[in-house]
Amino acid sequence: MLADANSHAPGAENTDHLLGELAGEMEKLGDDWKEGIEKPTTDSRMRTEDVTSTKGTEFEDYCLSRELMKGVFEYGWERPSPIQEESIPIVQSGRDLLARAKNGTGKSGAYLMPVLDRINPECNKVQVSKVNSFWSFSG
């Protein structure tokens, strides 16, 4: 289970330290971090409703780190898909998630974005694993 920055659970002090480091890294990227992103060629294939019928959120709405956001935009994702809009907040809250959507709708990103955002590079143990189609976060 993950402790939040206001928690008195074991590791909460480490969370404060990580949040401070993250803030420093975000400052290094600066406010114009999107300017230097090299985006891949835009996918011109027809998009179906299961990918286009979003609530209108932006990836920035999920408070992901700038480093991760940079990777998301460099990958070519501009806005979250419906499965990502529904799943990212659940994964960020630490709750279990079982989701189903068609191929190519962003399911892997829906889980991996918030999980990668929580990985502690200072922690020398396995923090994420994948068994068949199931992902597990043990932070």
Protein backbone atom coordinates (compact mmCIF):
# COMPACT_ATOMS: atom_id res chain seq x y z
CA MET A 1 0.00 0.00 0.00
CA LEU A 2 1.23 3.49 -0.76
CA ALA A 3 1.32 6.21 1.86
CA ASP A 4 0.40 9.73 0.86
CA ALA A 5 2.51 12.74 1.82
CA ASN A 6 0.26 13.59 4.79
CA SER A 7 0.21 10.05 6.17
CA HIS A 8 1.94 8.90 9.32
CA ALA A 9 2.42 5.45 7.81
CA PRO A 10 5.92 4.00 7.48
CA GLY A 11 7.71 5.62 4.58
CA ALA A 12 5.78 8.91 4.75
CA GLU A 13 9.02 10.81 5.39
CA ASN A 14 10.46 9.23 2.25
CA THR A 15 7.38 10.40 0.31
CA ASP A 16 8.04 13.99 1.40
CA HIS A 17 11.63 13.62 0.23
CA LEU A 18 10.50 12.23 -3.14
CA LEU A 19 7.98 15.03 -3.61
CA GLY A 20 10.75 17.54 -3.00
CA GLU A 21 13.00 15.83 -5.54
CA LEU A 22 10.15 15.71 -8.04
CA ALA A 23 9.54 19.44 -7.63
CA GLY A 24 13.24 20.07 -8.30
CA GLU A 25 13.19 17.91 -11.42
CA MET A 26 10.07 19.68 -12.67
CA GLU A 27 11.81 23.03 -12.28
CA LYS A 28 14.71 21.73 -14.40
CA LEU A 29 12.31 21.03 -17.26
CA GLY A 30 10.88 24.55 -16.99
CA ASP A 31 7.46 25.84 -17.99
CA ASP A 32 8.20 25.47 -21.70
CA TRP A 33 8.94 21.72 -21.50
CA LYS A 34 6.46 20.91 -24.28
CA GLU A 35 8.32 23.12 -26.77
CA GLY A 36 11.20 20.69 -27.35
CA ILE A 37 9.18 17.50 -27.67
CA GLU A 38 9.73 15.50 -30.83
CA LYS A 39 6.34 13.97 -31.62
CA PRO A 40 5.96 10.94 -33.86
CA THR A 41 4.03 11.14 -37.11
CA THR A 42 0.32 11.65 -36.43
CA ASP A 43 -1.79 8.51 -36.78
CA SER A 44 -4.21 9.25 -39.63
CA ARG A 45 -6.30 6.09 -39.28
CA MET A 46 -10.03 6.40 -38.64
CA ARG A 47 -10.82 6.65 -34.94
CA THR A 48 -13.88 4.98 -33.49
CA GLU A 49 -16.14 6.19 -30.69
CA ASP A 50 -14.48 3.96 -28.10
CA VAL A 51 -11.40 6.16 -28.46
CA THR A 52 -12.98 9.53 -29.28
CA SER A 53 -15.89 9.82 -26.82
CA THR A 54 -13.91 11.41 -23.99
CA LYS A 55 -14.92 13.70 -21.15
CA GLY A 56 -12.48 16.33 -22.39
CA THR A 57 -9.79 15.93 -19.75
CA GLU A 58 -6.09 16.55 -20.40
CA PHE A 59 -3.16 14.47 -19.15
CA GLU A 60 -2.11 17.49 -17.09
CA ASP A 61 -5.34 17.10 -15.07
CA TYR A 62 -3.89 13.98 -13.43
CA CYS A 63 -0.87 15.72 -11.84
CA LEU A 64 1.65 13.32 -13.39
CA SER A 65 5.30 14.30 -13.24
CA ARG A 66 6.66 16.40 -16.07
CA GLU A 67 9.21 13.72 -16.93
CA LEU A 68 6.41 11.23 -17.43
CA MET A 69 4.29 13.80 -19.27
CA LYS A 70 7.19 14.45 -21.60
CA GLY A 71 7.34 10.74 -22.42
CA VAL A 72 3.57 10.58 -22.93
CA PHE A 73 3.64 13.45 -25.41
CA GLU A 74 6.77 12.13 -27.14
CA TYR A 75 4.94 8.82 -27.56
CA GLY A 76 2.29 10.75 -29.48
CA TRP A 77 -0.56 10.78 -26.98
CA GLU A 78 -2.15 14.21 -26.83
CA ARG A 79 -5.27 13.57 -24.73
CA PRO A 80 -6.43 10.64 -22.60
CA SER A 81 -8.71 8.05 -24.15
CA PRO A 82 -11.96 7.11 -22.39
CA ILE A 83 -10.38 4.08 -20.68
CA GLN A 84 -7.52 6.28 -19.48
CA GLU A 85 -9.91 8.97 -18.19
CA GLU A 86 -11.76 6.36 -16.13
CA SER A 87 -8.75 4.33 -14.97
CA ILE A 88 -5.93 6.76 -14.16
CA PRO A 89 -7.64 8.31 -11.09
CA ILE A 90 -8.47 4.85 -9.71
CA VAL A 91 -4.88 3.62 -10.08
CA GLN A 92 -3.55 6.88 -8.62
CA SER A 93 -5.70 6.36 -5.53
CA GLY A 94 -4.12 2.94 -4.96
CA ARG A 95 -7.34 1.01 -5.47
CA ASP A 96 -7.56 -2.22 -7.45
CA LEU A 97 -8.71 -1.91 -11.03
CA LEU A 98 -10.25 -4.36 -13.44
CA ALA A 99 -10.91 -2.74 -16.81
CA ARG A 100 -11.88 -3.99 -20.23
CA ALA A 101 -11.64 -2.16 -23.53
CA LYS A 102 -10.86 -2.91 -27.16
CA ASN A 103 -7.33 -3.28 -28.50
CA GLY A 104 -5.62 0.02 -29.22
CA THR A 105 -7.66 2.11 -26.79
CA GLY A 106 -4.83 2.83 -24.34
CA LYS A 107 -5.37 0.23 -21.61
CA SER A 108 -1.66 -0.27 -20.91
CA GLY A 109 -1.12 3.47 -20.66
CA ALA A 110 -4.15 3.78 -18.38
CA TYR A 111 -2.39 1.66 -15.78
CA LEU A 112 1.27 2.31 -16.51
CA MET A 113 1.21 6.12 -16.44
CA PRO A 114 0.17 6.41 -12.78
CA VAL A 115 2.23 3.36 -11.78
CA LEU A 116 5.41 4.66 -13.42
CA ASP A 117 4.77 8.00 -11.76
CA ARG A 118 4.87 6.28 -8.34
CA ILE A 119 8.03 4.23 -8.83
CA ASN A 120 10.80 5.19 -6.45
CA PRO A 121 14.13 4.94 -8.33
CA GLU A 122 15.95 4.95 -4.95
CA CYS A 123 14.16 1.75 -3.86
CA ASN A 124 16.23 -1.31 -4.75
CA LYS A 125 13.40 -3.84 -5.01
CA VAL A 126 10.79 -4.93 -7.54
CA GLN A 127 7.98 -2.38 -7.45
CA VAL A 128 5.93 -3.40 -10.50
CA SER A 129 5.38 -6.78 -12.10
CA LYS A 130 3.27 -8.18 -14.90
CA VAL A 131 1.79 -11.66 -14.79
CA ASN A 132 0.07 -12.53 -18.07
CA SER A 133 -2.32 -9.62 -18.62
CA PHE A 134 -2.34 -8.51 -14.98
CA TRP A 135 -0.14 -5.76 -13.56
CA SER A 136 0.73 -5.52 -9.87
CA PHE A 137 2.19 -2.54 -8.03
CA SER A 138 3.88 -3.24 -4.72
CA GLY A 139 5.07 0.20 -3.68
